C-alpha atoms as a PDB file:
ATOM      1  CA  UNK A   1      81.664  87.220 131.963  1.00  0.00           C
ATOM      2  CA  UNK A   2      83.700  84.137 132.028  1.00  0.00           C
ATOM      3  CA  UNK A   3      85.305  84.462 128.349  1.00  0.00           C
ATOM      4  CA  UNK A   4      85.940  87.717 126.881  1.00  0.00           C
ATOM      5  CA  UNK A   5      85.548  88.504 123.607  1.00  0.00           C
ATOM      6  CA  UNK A   6      87.096  92.275 123.304  1.00  0.00           C
ATOM      7  CA  UNK A   7      89.132  94.326 125.964  1.00  0.00           C
ATOM      8  CA  UNK A   8      88.705  97.904 125.416  1.00  0.00           C
ATOM      9  CA  UNK A   9      91.653  99.394 126.114  1.00  0.00           C
ATOM     10  CA  UNK A  10      90.689 102.790 127.729  1.00  0.00           C
ATOM     11  CA  UNK A  11      93.559 105.773 128.259  1.00  0.00           C
ATOM     12  CA  UNK A  12      92.805 108.183 130.591  1.00  0.00           C
ATOM     13  CA  UNK A  13      94.884 111.326 130.619  1.00  0.00           C
ATOM     14  CA  UNK A  14      93.282 114.559 132.193  1.00  0.00           C
ATOM     15  CA  UNK A  15      90.417 114.876 130.069  1.00  0.00           C
ATOM     16  CA  UNK A  16      87.555 115.099 133.044  1.00  0.00           C
ATOM     17  CA  UNK A  17      85.505 117.447 130.399  1.00  0.00           C
ATOM     18  CA  UNK A  18      85.257 114.672 127.635  1.00  0.00           C
ATOM     19  CA  UNK A  19      85.701 111.096 129.438  1.00  0.00           C
ATOM     20  CA  UNK A  20      82.053 110.745 130.511  1.00  0.00           C
ATOM     21  CA  UNK A  21      80.985 111.417 126.779  1.00  0.00           C
ATOM     22  CA  UNK A  22      83.976 108.860 126.228  1.00  0.00           C
ATOM     23  CA  UNK A  23      82.743 106.340 128.225  1.00  0.00           C
ATOM     24  CA  UNK A  24      79.172 106.493 127.399  1.00  0.00           C
ATOM     25  CA  UNK A  25      79.518 105.978 123.976  1.00  0.00           C
ATOM     26  CA  UNK A  26      81.813 102.428 124.854  1.00  0.00           C
ATOM     27  CA  UNK A  27      78.864 101.054 127.401  1.00  0.00           C
ATOM     28  CA  UNK A  28      76.311 102.488 124.678  1.00  0.00           C
ATOM     29  CA  UNK A  29      78.070  99.897 121.931  1.00  0.00           C
ATOM     30  CA  UNK A  30      75.757  97.784 120.538  1.00  0.00           C
ATOM     31  CA  UNK A  31      78.088  94.882 120.802  1.00  0.00           C
ATOM     32  CA  UNK A  32      78.145  93.838 124.612  1.00  0.00           C
ATOM     33  CA  UNK A  33      80.795  90.994 125.442  1.00  0.00           C
ATOM     34  CA  UNK A  34      83.747  93.110 126.136  1.00  0.00           C
ATOM     35  CA  UNK A  35      85.423  94.252 129.517  1.00  0.00           C
ATOM     36  CA  UNK A  36      86.982  97.889 129.807  1.00  0.00           C
ATOM     37  CA  UNK A  37      90.287  98.488 131.457  1.00  0.00           C
ATOM     38  CA  UNK A  38      90.882 101.951 132.067  1.00  0.00           C
ATOM     39  CA  UNK A  39      94.141 103.203 133.210  1.00  0.00           C
ATOM     40  CA  UNK A  40      94.594 107.047 134.434  1.00  0.00           C
ATOM     41  CA  UNK A  41      98.208 108.467 133.985  1.00  0.00           C
ATOM     42  CA  UNK A  42      97.734 110.217 137.302  1.00  0.00           C
ATOM     43  CA  UNK A  43      95.389 113.181 136.197  1.00  0.00           C
ATOM     44  CA  UNK A  44      95.575 116.587 137.628  1.00  0.00           C
ATOM     45  CA  UNK A  45      91.776 117.609 137.379  1.00  0.00           C
ATOM     46  CA  UNK A  46      88.357 115.811 137.654  1.00  0.00           C
ATOM     47  CA  UNK A  47      89.148 112.683 136.024  1.00  0.00           C
ATOM     48  CA  UNK A  48      88.908 110.445 138.994  1.00  0.00           C
ATOM     49  CA  UNK A  49      85.743 111.737 140.569  1.00  0.00           C
ATOM     50  CA  UNK A  50      84.343 111.483 136.544  1.00  0.00           C
ATOM     51  CA  UNK A  51      84.730 107.955 136.475  1.00  0.00           C
ATOM     52  CA  UNK A  52      83.986 106.366 139.469  1.00  0.00           C
ATOM     53  CA  UNK A  53      80.903 107.821 138.915  1.00  0.00           C
ATOM     54  CA  UNK A  54      80.395 104.601 136.521  1.00  0.00           C
ATOM     55  CA  UNK A  55      79.023 101.188 137.914  1.00  0.00           C
ATOM     56  CA  UNK A  56      79.385  98.468 135.550  1.00  0.00           C
ATOM     57  CA  UNK A  57      80.972  95.465 136.115  1.00  0.00           C
ATOM     58  CA  UNK A  58      82.683  95.328 133.000  1.00  0.00           C
ATOM     59  CA  UNK A  59      84.476  98.664 133.965  1.00  0.00           C
ATOM     60  CA  UNK A  60      88.391  98.056 135.641  1.00  0.00           C
ATOM     61  CA  UNK A  61      90.104 101.287 136.768  1.00  0.00           C
ATOM     62  CA  UNK A  62      93.233 101.971 137.800  1.00  0.00           C
ATOM     63  CA  UNK A  63      95.158 105.202 138.815  1.00  0.00           C
ATOM     64  CA  UNK A  64      98.431 105.861 138.663  1.00  0.00           C
ATOM     65  CA  UNK A  65     100.252 107.820 141.508  1.00  0.00           C
ATOM     66  CA  UNK A  66     102.777 109.157 138.938  1.00  0.00           C
ATOM     67  CA  UNK A  67     102.811 110.439 135.582  1.00  0.00           C
ATOM     68  CA  UNK A  68     104.191 107.152 133.610  1.00  0.00           C
ATOM     69  CA  UNK A  69     103.685 108.412 129.791  1.00  0.00           C
ATOM     70  CA  UNK A  70     101.280 107.315 127.384  1.00  0.00           C
ATOM     71  CA  UNK A  71     103.147 104.061 126.119  1.00  0.00           C
ATOM     72  CA  UNK A  72     103.724 102.591 129.720  1.00  0.00           C
ATOM     73  CA  UNK A  73     100.122 103.412 130.454  1.00  0.00           C
ATOM     74  CA  UNK A  74      98.944 101.391 127.705  1.00  0.00           C
ATOM     75  CA  UNK A  75     101.470  98.634 128.062  1.00  0.00           C
ATOM     76  CA  UNK A  76      99.779  98.279 131.889  1.00  0.00           C
ATOM     77  CA  UNK A  77      96.514  97.890 130.591  1.00  0.00           C
ATOM     78  CA  UNK A  78      97.608  95.573 127.526  1.00  0.00           C
ATOM     79  CA  UNK A  79      98.979  93.162 130.546  1.00  0.00           C
ATOM     80  CA  UNK A  80      95.408  93.458 132.215  1.00  0.00           C
ATOM     81  CA  UNK A  81      93.331  92.374 129.113  1.00  0.00           C
ATOM     82  CA  UNK A  82      91.674  88.838 128.412  1.00  0.00           C
ATOM     83  CA  UNK A  83      89.947  89.182 125.188  1.00  0.00           C
ATOM     84  CA  UNK A  84      90.616  87.862 121.619  1.00  0.00           C
ATOM     85  CA  UNK A  85      90.367  91.411 120.299  1.00  0.00           C
ATOM     86  CA  UNK A  86      91.478  94.330 121.324  1.00  0.00           C
ATOM     87  CA  UNK A  87      90.394  98.058 120.733  1.00  0.00           C
ATOM     88  CA  UNK A  88      91.581 101.268 122.238  1.00  0.00           C
ATOM     89  CA  UNK A  89      89.777 104.618 123.309  1.00  0.00           C
ATOM     90  CA  UNK A  90      91.627 107.424 124.280  1.00  0.00           C
ATOM     91  CA  UNK A  91      89.590 109.659 127.345  1.00  0.00           C
ATOM     92  CA  UNK A  92      88.702 112.269 124.585  1.00  0.00           C
ATOM     93  CA  UNK A  93      87.382 110.222 121.831  1.00  0.00           C
ATOM     94  CA  UNK A  94      84.015 108.920 120.449  1.00  0.00           C
ATOM     95  CA  UNK A  95      82.666 105.573 118.991  1.00  0.00           C
ATOM     96  CA  UNK A  96      79.812 105.257 117.168  1.00  0.00           C
ATOM     97  CA  UNK A  97      77.619 101.948 118.606  1.00  0.00           C
ATOM     98  CA  UNK A  98      78.305  99.927 115.932  1.00  0.00           C
ATOM     99  CA  UNK A  99      82.162 100.436 116.024  1.00  0.00           C
ATOM    100  CA  UNK A 100      82.714  97.193 118.148  1.00  0.00           C
ATOM    101  CA  UNK A 101      80.195  94.985 116.565  1.00  0.00           C
ATOM    102  CA  UNK A 102      81.084  95.799 113.055  1.00  0.00           C
ATOM    103  CA  UNK A 103      84.655  95.513 113.395  1.00  0.00           C
ATOM    104  CA  UNK A 104      84.252  92.288 114.694  1.00  0.00           C
ATOM    105  CA  UNK A 105      82.018  90.632 112.938  1.00  0.00           C
ATOM    106  CA  UNK A 106      84.942  91.541 110.047  1.00  0.00           C
ATOM    107  CA  UNK A 107      87.378  89.920 111.844  1.00  0.00           C
ATOM    108  CA  UNK A 108      85.750  86.576 112.976  1.00  0.00           C
ATOM    109  CA  UNK A 109      84.835  86.501 109.256  1.00  0.00           C
ATOM    110  CA  UNK A 110      88.606  86.754 108.386  1.00  0.00           C
ATOM    111  CA  UNK A 111      91.275  85.292 109.698  1.00  0.00           C
ATOM    112  CA  UNK A 112      94.025  86.026 107.739  1.00  0.00           C
ATOM    113  CA  UNK A 113      93.212  89.341 108.699  1.00  0.00           C
ATOM    114  CA  UNK A 114      94.954  91.564 111.766  1.00  0.00           C
ATOM    115  CA  UNK A 115      93.708  94.283 112.462  1.00  0.00           C
ATOM    116  CA  UNK A 116      90.448  96.219 111.480  1.00  0.00           C
ATOM    117  CA  UNK A 117      90.131 100.331 111.085  1.00  0.00           C
ATOM    118  CA  UNK A 118      87.103 102.640 109.912  1.00  0.00           C
ATOM    119  CA  UNK A 119      87.339 106.292 108.713  1.00  0.00           C
ATOM    120  CA  UNK A 120      87.216 108.700 111.803  1.00  0.00           C
ATOM    121  CA  UNK A 121      85.516 111.893 111.921  1.00  0.00           C
ATOM    122  CA  UNK A 122      88.264 114.595 113.814  1.00  0.00           C
ATOM    123  CA  UNK A 123      86.593 116.974 116.314  1.00  0.00           C
ATOM    124  CA  UNK A 124      88.063 119.779 118.564  1.00  0.00           C
ATOM    125  CA  UNK A 125      87.382 120.861 121.490  1.00  0.00           C
ATOM    126  CA  UNK A 126      84.019 121.992 121.031  1.00  0.00           C
ATOM    127  CA  UNK A 127      83.164 118.752 119.148  1.00  0.00           C
ATOM    128  CA  UNK A 128      83.277 120.495 115.911  1.00  0.00           C
ATOM    129  CA  UNK A 129      84.066 118.269 113.350  1.00  0.00           C
ATOM    130  CA  UNK A 130      87.701 119.818 111.775  1.00  0.00           C
ATOM    131  CA  UNK A 131      86.627 119.544 107.738  1.00  0.00           C
ATOM    132  CA  UNK A 132      90.292 119.210 106.723  1.00  0.00           C
ATOM    133  CA  UNK A 133      91.009 116.309 108.899  1.00  0.00           C
ATOM    134  CA  UNK A 134      88.460 114.477 107.126  1.00  0.00           C
ATOM    135  CA  UNK A 135      90.172 113.349 104.186  1.00  0.00           C
ATOM    136  CA  UNK A 136      92.793 112.315 106.362  1.00  0.00           C
ATOM    137  CA  UNK A 137      91.380 108.795 107.774  1.00  0.00           C
ATOM    138  CA  UNK A 138      89.198 108.255 104.771  1.00  0.00           C
ATOM    139  CA  UNK A 139      91.515 105.504 103.246  1.00  0.00           C
ATOM    140  CA  UNK A 140      90.460 102.710 100.935  1.00  0.00           C
ATOM    141  CA  UNK A 141      91.156  99.489 101.671  1.00  0.00           C
ATOM    142  CA  UNK A 142      94.709  97.871  99.904  1.00  0.00           C
ATOM    143  CA  UNK A 143      96.535  94.506  99.817  1.00  0.00           C
ATOM    144  CA  UNK A 144      99.465  94.076 102.093  1.00  0.00           C
ATOM    145  CA  UNK A 145     101.993  95.119  99.791  1.00  0.00           C
ATOM    146  CA  UNK A 146      99.764  97.907  99.062  1.00  0.00           C
ATOM    147  CA  UNK A 147      99.477  99.175 102.558  1.00  0.00           C
ATOM    148  CA  UNK A 148     103.498  98.559 102.768  1.00  0.00           C
ATOM    149  CA  UNK A 149     103.920 100.942 100.082  1.00  0.00           C
ATOM    150  CA  UNK A 150     101.304 103.406 101.213  1.00  0.00           C
ATOM    151  CA  UNK A 151     102.717 104.025 104.566  1.00  0.00           C
ATOM    152  CA  UNK A 152     106.493 104.654 103.526  1.00  0.00           C
ATOM    153  CA  UNK A 153     105.721 106.953 100.932  1.00  0.00           C
ATOM    154  CA  UNK A 154     102.420 108.930 102.995  1.00  0.00           C
ATOM    155  CA  UNK A 155     102.858 108.088 106.179  1.00  0.00           C
ATOM    156  CA  UNK A 156     100.373 107.783 108.884  1.00  0.00           C
ATOM    157  CA  UNK A 157      96.592 107.342 107.812  1.00  0.00           C
ATOM    158  CA  UNK A 158      95.110 104.839 110.151  1.00  0.00           C
ATOM    159  CA  UNK A 159      92.950 105.921 113.158  1.00  0.00           C
ATOM    160  CA  UNK A 160      94.091 104.596 116.414  1.00  0.00           C
ATOM    161  CA  UNK A 161      91.286 104.394 118.396  1.00  0.00           C
ATOM    162  CA  UNK A 162      89.226 103.338 115.324  1.00  0.00           C
ATOM    163  CA  UNK A 163      91.347  99.860 115.861  1.00  0.00           C
ATOM    164  CA  UNK A 164      90.134  96.361 116.597  1.00  0.00           C
ATOM    165  CA  UNK A 165      92.854  94.354 116.605  1.00  0.00           C
ATOM    166  CA  UNK A 166      94.023  90.804 117.284  1.00  0.00           C
ATOM    167  CA  UNK A 167      95.901  89.945 120.703  1.00  0.00           C
ATOM    168  CA  UNK A 168      98.518  87.808 118.547  1.00  0.00           C
ATOM    169  CA  UNK A 169      99.367  90.769 116.815  1.00  0.00           C
ATOM    170  CA  UNK A 170     101.364  92.180 119.416  1.00  0.00           C
ATOM    171  CA  UNK A 171     102.034  88.722 120.678  1.00  0.00           C
ATOM    172  CA  UNK A 172     103.989  88.316 117.452  1.00  0.00           C
ATOM    173  CA  UNK A 173     105.564  91.757 116.657  1.00  0.00           C
ATOM    174  CA  UNK A 174     106.031  93.376 119.711  1.00  0.00           C
ATOM    175  CA  UNK A 175     103.945  96.141 121.604  1.00  0.00           C
ATOM    176  CA  UNK A 176     104.371 100.050 120.719  1.00  0.00           C
ATOM    177  CA  UNK A 177     107.660 100.953 121.722  1.00  0.00           C
ATOM    178  CA  UNK A 178     108.244 102.494 125.161  1.00  0.00           C
ATOM    179  CA  UNK A 179     110.013 105.641 123.974  1.00  0.00           C
ATOM    180  CA  UNK A 180     107.776 106.925 121.295  1.00  0.00           C
ATOM    181  CA  UNK A 181     105.376 109.788 122.236  1.00  0.00           C
ATOM    182  CA  UNK A 182     104.172 111.143 118.883  1.00  0.00           C
ATOM    183  CA  UNK A 183     104.193 107.898 116.314  1.00  0.00           C
ATOM    184  CA  UNK A 184     104.139 104.962 118.438  1.00  0.00           C
ATOM    185  CA  UNK A 185     101.075 103.447 116.225  1.00  0.00           C
ATOM    186  CA  UNK A 186     102.632 104.340 113.213  1.00  0.00           C
ATOM    187  CA  UNK A 187     105.397 102.705 114.062  1.00  0.00           C
ATOM    188  CA  UNK A 188     103.767  99.500 115.231  1.00  0.00           C
ATOM    189  CA  UNK A 189     101.441  99.724 111.908  1.00  0.00           C
ATOM    190  CA  UNK A 190     104.741  99.557 110.288  1.00  0.00           C
ATOM    191  CA  UNK A 191     105.968  96.464 111.779  1.00  0.00           C
ATOM    192  CA  UNK A 192     102.217  94.753 111.713  1.00  0.00           C
ATOM    193  CA  UNK A 193     102.198  94.830 107.884  1.00  0.00           C
ATOM    194  CA  UNK A 194     104.860  93.021 107.342  1.00  0.00           C
ATOM    195  CA  UNK A 195     103.542  90.377 108.588  1.00  0.00           C
ATOM    196  CA  UNK A 196      99.079  90.776 108.503  1.00  0.00           C
ATOM    197  CA  UNK A 197      96.946  92.023 106.125  1.00  0.00           C
ATOM    198  CA  UNK A 198      94.674  94.577 107.464  1.00  0.00           C
ATOM    199  CA  UNK A 199      91.151  96.029 106.818  1.00  0.00           C
ATOM    200  CA  UNK A 200      89.006  99.366 106.237  1.00  0.00           C
ATOM    201  CA  UNK A 201      85.042  99.637 107.175  1.00  0.00           C
ATOM    202  CA  UNK A 202      85.075 102.336 104.939  1.00  0.00           C
ATOM    203  CA  UNK A 203      82.537 104.085 107.402  1.00  0.00           C
ATOM    204  CA  UNK A 204      82.777 106.716 110.267  1.00  0.00           C
ATOM    205  CA  UNK A 205      83.084 104.788 113.444  1.00  0.00           C
ATOM    206  CA  UNK A 206      83.945 106.842 115.725  1.00  0.00           C
ATOM    207  CA  UNK A 207      85.339 110.908 116.580  1.00  0.00           C
ATOM    208  CA  UNK A 208      89.320 111.491 117.186  1.00  0.00           C
ATOM    209  CA  UNK A 209      89.235 114.699 119.381  1.00  0.00           C
ATOM    210  CA  UNK A 210      92.442 117.045 118.376  1.00  0.00           C
ATOM    211  CA  UNK A 211      92.709 119.491 121.040  1.00  0.00           C
ATOM    212  CA  UNK A 212      94.499 122.379 118.884  1.00  0.00           C
ATOM    213  CA  UNK A 213      93.285 125.134 120.857  1.00  0.00           C
ATOM    214  CA  UNK A 214      94.524 123.952 124.278  1.00  0.00           C
ATOM    215  CA  UNK A 215      97.132 121.764 123.088  1.00  0.00           C
ATOM    216  CA  UNK A 216      95.909 119.166 125.496  1.00  0.00           C
ATOM    217  CA  UNK A 217      97.249 115.876 123.992  1.00  0.00           C
ATOM    218  CA  UNK A 218     100.332 114.617 121.612  1.00  0.00           C
ATOM    219  CA  UNK A 219      98.256 115.969 118.567  1.00  0.00           C
ATOM    220  CA  UNK A 220      98.603 119.399 119.719  1.00  0.00           C
ATOM    221  CA  UNK A 221     100.640 121.299 116.798  1.00  0.00           C
ATOM    222  CA  UNK A 222     103.311 122.646 118.837  1.00  0.00           C
ATOM    223  CA  UNK A 223     107.036 122.431 118.362  1.00  0.00           C
ATOM    224  CA  UNK A 224     108.223 119.484 120.824  1.00  0.00           C
ATOM    225  CA  UNK A 225     105.473 117.438 119.574  1.00  0.00           C
ATOM    226  CA  UNK A 226     107.060 117.876 115.589  1.00  0.00           C
ATOM    227  CA  UNK A 227     110.601 117.787 116.548  1.00  0.00           C
ATOM    228  CA  UNK A 228     109.698 114.344 118.363  1.00  0.00           C
ATOM    229  CA  UNK A 229     107.687 113.461 115.548  1.00  0.00           C
ATOM    230  CA  UNK A 230     110.666 114.302 112.960  1.00  0.00           C
ATOM    231  CA  UNK A 231     113.028 111.996 115.040  1.00  0.00           C
ATOM    232  CA  UNK A 232     110.785 109.380 115.661  1.00  0.00           C
ATOM    233  CA  UNK A 233     109.888 109.012 111.875  1.00  0.00           C
ATOM    234  CA  UNK A 234     113.895 108.670 111.228  1.00  0.00           C
ATOM    235  CA  UNK A 235     114.195 105.676 113.796  1.00  0.00           C
ATOM    236  CA  UNK A 236     111.218 103.841 112.179  1.00  0.00           C
ATOM    237  CA  UNK A 237     112.491 104.637 108.393  1.00  0.00           C
ATOM    238  CA  UNK A 238     116.098 103.012 109.706  1.00  0.00           C
ATOM    239  CA  UNK A 239     114.204  99.878 110.424  1.00  0.00           C
ATOM    240  CA  UNK A 240     111.418  99.854 108.511  1.00  0.00           C
ATOM    241  CA  UNK A 241     112.588  96.779 106.484  1.00  0.00           C
ATOM    242  CA  UNK A 242     113.397  94.517 109.230  1.00  0.00           C
ATOM    243  CA  UNK A 243     111.867  91.256 109.460  1.00  0.00           C
ATOM    244  CA  UNK A 244     110.240  92.221 105.458  1.00  0.00           C
ATOM    245  CA  UNK A 245     110.772  89.068 103.470  1.00  0.00           C
ATOM    246  CA  UNK A 246     112.141  89.701 100.302  1.00  0.00           C
ATOM    247  CA  UNK A 247     109.345  88.227  98.669  1.00  0.00           C
ATOM    248  CA  UNK A 248     106.839  91.282 100.195  1.00  0.00           C
ATOM    249  CA  UNK A 249     109.823  93.632  99.916  1.00  0.00           C
ATOM    250  CA  UNK A 250     109.476  93.472  95.538  1.00  0.00           C
ATOM    251  CA  UNK A 251     105.848  93.006  95.440  1.00  0.00           C
ATOM    252  CA  UNK A 252     105.849  96.225  97.389  1.00  0.00           C
ATOM    253  CA  UNK A 253     108.800  98.176  95.901  1.00  0.00           C
ATOM    254  CA  UNK A 254     109.908  97.086  92.416  1.00  0.00           C
ATOM    255  CA  UNK A 255     108.131 100.130  90.824  1.00  0.00           C
ATOM    256  CA  UNK A 256     110.930 102.079  92.244  1.00  0.00           C
ATOM    257  CA  UNK A 257     113.956  99.966  92.358  1.00  0.00           C
ATOM    258  CA  UNK A 258     116.623 101.618  90.276  1.00  0.00           C
ATOM    259  CA  UNK A 259     117.254  98.280  88.643  1.00  0.00           C
ATOM    260  CA  UNK A 260     114.032  96.829  88.060  1.00  0.00           C
ATOM    261  CA  UNK A 261     115.450  93.213  87.649  1.00  0.00           C
ATOM    262  CA  UNK A 262     117.045  93.164  91.364  1.00  0.00           C
ATOM    263  CA  UNK A 263     116.477  89.770  92.713  1.00  0.00           C
ATOM    264  CA  UNK A 264     119.737  88.803  95.115  1.00  0.00           C
ATOM    265  CA  UNK A 265     120.101  89.354  98.449  1.00  0.00           C
ATOM    266  CA  UNK A 266     123.013  92.044  98.024  1.00  0.00           C
ATOM    267  CA  UNK A 267     120.954  93.601  95.285  1.00  0.00           C
ATOM    268  CA  UNK A 268     117.576  94.237  97.844  1.00  0.00           C
ATOM    269  CA  UNK A 269     119.496  95.441  99.920  1.00  0.00           C
ATOM    270  CA  UNK A 270     120.742  98.158  97.751  1.00  0.00           C
ATOM    271  CA  UNK A 271     117.533  98.760  96.706  1.00  0.00           C
ATOM    272  CA  UNK A 272     116.504  99.741 100.662  1.00  0.00           C
ATOM    273  CA  UNK A 273     119.422 101.917 100.311  1.00  0.00           C
ATOM    274  CA  UNK A 274     118.079 104.221  97.352  1.00  0.00           C
ATOM    275  CA  UNK A 275     114.682 103.859  98.350  1.00  0.00           C
ATOM    276  CA  UNK A 276     115.833 106.494 101.403  1.00  0.00           C
ATOM    277  CA  UNK A 277     118.686 108.276  99.487  1.00  0.00           C
ATOM    278  CA  UNK A 278     116.024 109.037  96.669  1.00  0.00           C
ATOM    279  CA  UNK A 279     113.886 110.540  99.235  1.00  0.00           C
ATOM    280  CA  UNK A 280     110.865 108.086  98.435  1.00  0.00           C
ATOM    281  CA  UNK A 281     109.908 107.784 102.189  1.00  0.00           C
ATOM    282  CA  UNK A 282     106.767 110.287 103.150  1.00  0.00           C
ATOM    283  CA  UNK A 283     109.220 112.466 105.072  1.00  0.00           C
ATOM    284  CA  UNK A 284     111.668 113.268 102.563  1.00  0.00           C
ATOM    285  CA  UNK A 285     114.316 115.644 104.074  1.00  0.00           C
ATOM    286  CA  UNK A 286     115.246 112.699 106.581  1.00  0.00           C
ATOM    287  CA  UNK A 287     115.708 110.011 103.874  1.00  0.00           C
ATOM    288  CA  UNK A 288     119.476 110.630 102.800  1.00  0.00           C
ATOM    289  CA  UNK A 289     120.612 110.649 106.684  1.00  0.00           C
ATOM    290  CA  UNK A 290     118.345 107.549 106.949  1.00  0.00           C
ATOM    291  CA  UNK A 291     120.252 105.933 103.922  1.00  0.00           C
ATOM    292  CA  UNK A 292     123.442 106.504 105.403  1.00  0.00           C
ATOM    293  CA  UNK A 293     122.668 105.017 109.136  1.00  0.00           C
ATOM    294  CA  UNK A 294     121.470 102.446 107.013  1.00  0.00           C
ATOM    295  CA  UNK A 295     124.531 101.669 104.422  1.00  0.00           C
ATOM    296  CA  UNK A 296     126.950 102.185 107.557  1.00  0.00           C
ATOM    297  CA  UNK A 297     125.510  99.093 109.322  1.00  0.00           C
ATOM    298  CA  UNK A 298     125.723  97.009 105.898  1.00  0.00           C
ATOM    299  CA  UNK A 299     128.306  97.951 104.107  1.00  0.00           C
ATOM    300  CA  UNK A 300     131.260  95.749 105.030  1.00  0.00           C
ATOM    301  CA  UNK A 301     129.658  93.052 102.840  1.00  0.00           C
ATOM    302  CA  UNK A 302     132.350  93.095 100.252  1.00  0.00           C
ATOM    303  CA  UNK A 303     129.463  91.680  97.973  1.00  0.00           C
ATOM    304  CA  UNK A 304     127.333  94.586  98.765  1.00  0.00           C
ATOM    305  CA  UNK A 305     129.763  97.298  97.816  1.00  0.00           C
ATOM    306  CA  UNK A 306     130.685  95.972  94.547  1.00  0.00           C
ATOM    307  CA  UNK A 307     127.290  95.344  93.358  1.00  0.00           C
ATOM    308  CA  UNK A 308     126.990  98.810  94.643  1.00  0.00           C
ATOM    309  CA  UNK A 309     129.971 100.264  92.486  1.00  0.00           C
ATOM    310  CA  UNK A 310     129.356  97.927  89.556  1.00  0.00           C
ATOM    311  CA  UNK A 311     125.474  97.638  89.129  1.00  0.00           C
ATOM    312  CA  UNK A 312     124.693 100.957  90.664  1.00  0.00           C
ATOM    313  CA  UNK A 313     127.702 103.679  89.829  1.00  0.00           C
ATOM    314  CA  UNK A 314     128.087 104.121  93.546  1.00  0.00           C
ATOM    315  CA  UNK A 315     131.275 104.003  94.863  1.00  0.00           C
ATOM    316  CA  UNK A 316     132.829 104.666  98.380  1.00  0.00           C
ATOM    317  CA  UNK A 317     133.859 107.966  97.674  1.00  0.00           C
ATOM    318  CA  UNK A 318     130.233 108.309  96.975  1.00  0.00           C
ATOM    319  CA  UNK A 319     129.961 107.229 100.397  1.00  0.00           C
ATOM    320  CA  UNK A 320     132.068 109.453 102.160  1.00  0.00           C
ATOM    321  CA  UNK A 321     130.785 112.543 100.516  1.00  0.00           C
ATOM    322  CA  UNK A 322     126.955 111.517 102.054  1.00  0.00           C
ATOM    323  CA  UNK A 323     128.832 111.169 105.283  1.00  0.00           C
ATOM    324  CA  UNK A 324     130.395 114.764 105.021  1.00  0.00           C
ATOM    325  CA  UNK A 325     126.708 116.068 103.876  1.00  0.00           C
ATOM    326  CA  UNK A 326     125.205 116.209 107.644  1.00  0.00           C
ATOM    327  CA  UNK A 327     126.272 119.007 109.468  1.00  0.00           C
ATOM    328  CA  UNK A 328     124.732 118.031 112.851  1.00  0.00           C
ATOM    329  CA  UNK A 329     127.383 120.478 114.630  1.00  0.00           C
ATOM    330  CA  UNK A 330     126.756 123.442 112.243  1.00  0.00           C
ATOM    331  CA  UNK A 331     130.251 123.592 111.216  1.00  0.00           C
ATOM    332  CA  UNK A 332     130.503 124.607 107.732  1.00  0.00           C
ATOM    333  CA  UNK A 333     130.280 127.829 106.988  1.00  0.00           C
ATOM    334  CA  UNK A 334     126.728 127.682 104.781  1.00  0.00           C
ATOM    335  CA  UNK A 335     125.292 124.825 107.434  1.00  0.00           C
ATOM    336  CA  UNK A 336     121.473 125.114 107.897  1.00  0.00           C
ATOM    337  CA  UNK A 337     122.095 125.690 111.779  1.00  0.00           C
ATOM    338  CA  UNK A 338     125.375 127.912 111.793  1.00  0.00           C
ATOM    339  CA  UNK A 339     124.232 129.735 115.166  1.00  0.00           C
ATOM    340  CA  UNK A 340     125.717 126.662 117.003  1.00  0.00           C
ATOM    341  CA  UNK A 341     129.047 127.596 116.864  1.00  0.00           C
ATOM    342  CA  UNK A 342     128.235 130.899 119.344  1.00  0.00           C
ATOM    343  CA  UNK A 343     126.448 128.961 121.649  1.00  0.00           C
ATOM    344  CA  UNK A 344     128.477 128.160 125.092  1.00  0.00           C
ATOM    345  CA  UNK A 345     127.355 124.759 124.816  1.00  0.00           C
ATOM    346  CA  UNK A 346     129.430 124.259 121.538  1.00  0.00           C
ATOM    347  CA  UNK A 347     132.399 126.497 123.249  1.00  0.00           C
ATOM    348  CA  UNK A 348     132.200 124.219 125.945  1.00  0.00           C
ATOM    349  CA  UNK A 349     132.248 121.221 124.052  1.00  0.00           C
ATOM    350  CA  UNK A 350     135.605 122.326 121.761  1.00  0.00           C
ATOM    351  CA  UNK A 351     137.345 123.594 124.665  1.00  0.00           C
ATOM    352  CA  UNK A 352     136.966 119.928 125.795  1.00  0.00           C
ATOM    353  CA  UNK A 353     137.973 118.568 122.743  1.00  0.00           C
ATOM    354  CA  UNK A 354     141.026 120.357 122.499  1.00  0.00           C
ATOM    355  CA  UNK A 355     141.961 119.400 126.316  1.00  0.00           C
ATOM    356  CA  UNK A 356     141.961 115.963 125.713  1.00  0.00           C
ATOM    357  CA  UNK A 357     143.717 116.708 123.000  1.00  0.00           C
ATOM    358  CA  UNK A 358     146.220 117.999 125.272  1.00  0.00           C
ATOM    359  CA  UNK A 359     146.316 115.440 127.863  1.00  0.00           C
ATOM    360  CA  UNK A 360     144.143 118.110 130.286  1.00  0.00           C
ATOM    361  CA  UNK A 361     140.537 117.767 132.337  1.00  0.00           C
ATOM    362  CA  UNK A 362     138.426 119.972 132.412  1.00  0.00           C
ATOM    363  CA  UNK A 363     135.548 120.531 135.202  1.00  0.00           C
END
């Protein structure tokens, strides 16, 4: 087909046991005007052999010779896509037959909508539905401002492989952040809702696999994934309000304002600080640290710190005290991580500081 309506971004990595089911679910779609761009991120199992069994001229295959990581793999696919709309599926997920048709129908009829999502059911390695996960993606429709507020206060609730998105959204707000492993989708949604409406198809149109027992995907509940999740969420929080209009910010968050009548630019900057400081973000324990970093970047504005002091009762000493709350090296007696004081890494660091003070060097 010369004109492709939908480009299916098919992400593949070490899912030889599931990839045949995933591809068959794509080829079984009732909507047929699509291409499938498959990129395999140097799988070490039988994935390549399974993929090469499919003979369909809509499918193009690419195999990386070295592992690139999911976001680079996805970026490669995106650059090959020709469709007006883009849909993503991982090589262990399963679409229902009407997934594309219902998504395309809605986007065609609602030009103000940037992306469509559906409800999704999570399944384990054996294909059994994970009951507690069903409600996470069972979301109602909300206005743009309500989504801005909900994603901030509740976190991610949109199932990435249920998405069909306009190509222009990526072009206007940017692609997934290459350095993100756990939350590239959530970070993307927070940028997307600044500019676009989104819509939920309120029915289960796909099955999202979570490899809990074998820990084969980024949804696996392992410590490294959890740590990255926190760090990527912190970055997202610090930049949550970037490029957000004052009008949208007020519509989304006025109910949480300390000063309900805040309208001046500096007042709204203060309100953004206090949304973090008052721990309104869904991952509350990182809120104050994000607030410190955020205010540090804007506090040189004299009008701002005068408003902060006179209207909000937060002065420079309060800011200094906030900066002393985050004992990342565990230097305080009651720090949450005092054992770092006993580590060889900390001793070497401390020795290096002392050597520099004395004009010495140490290798």
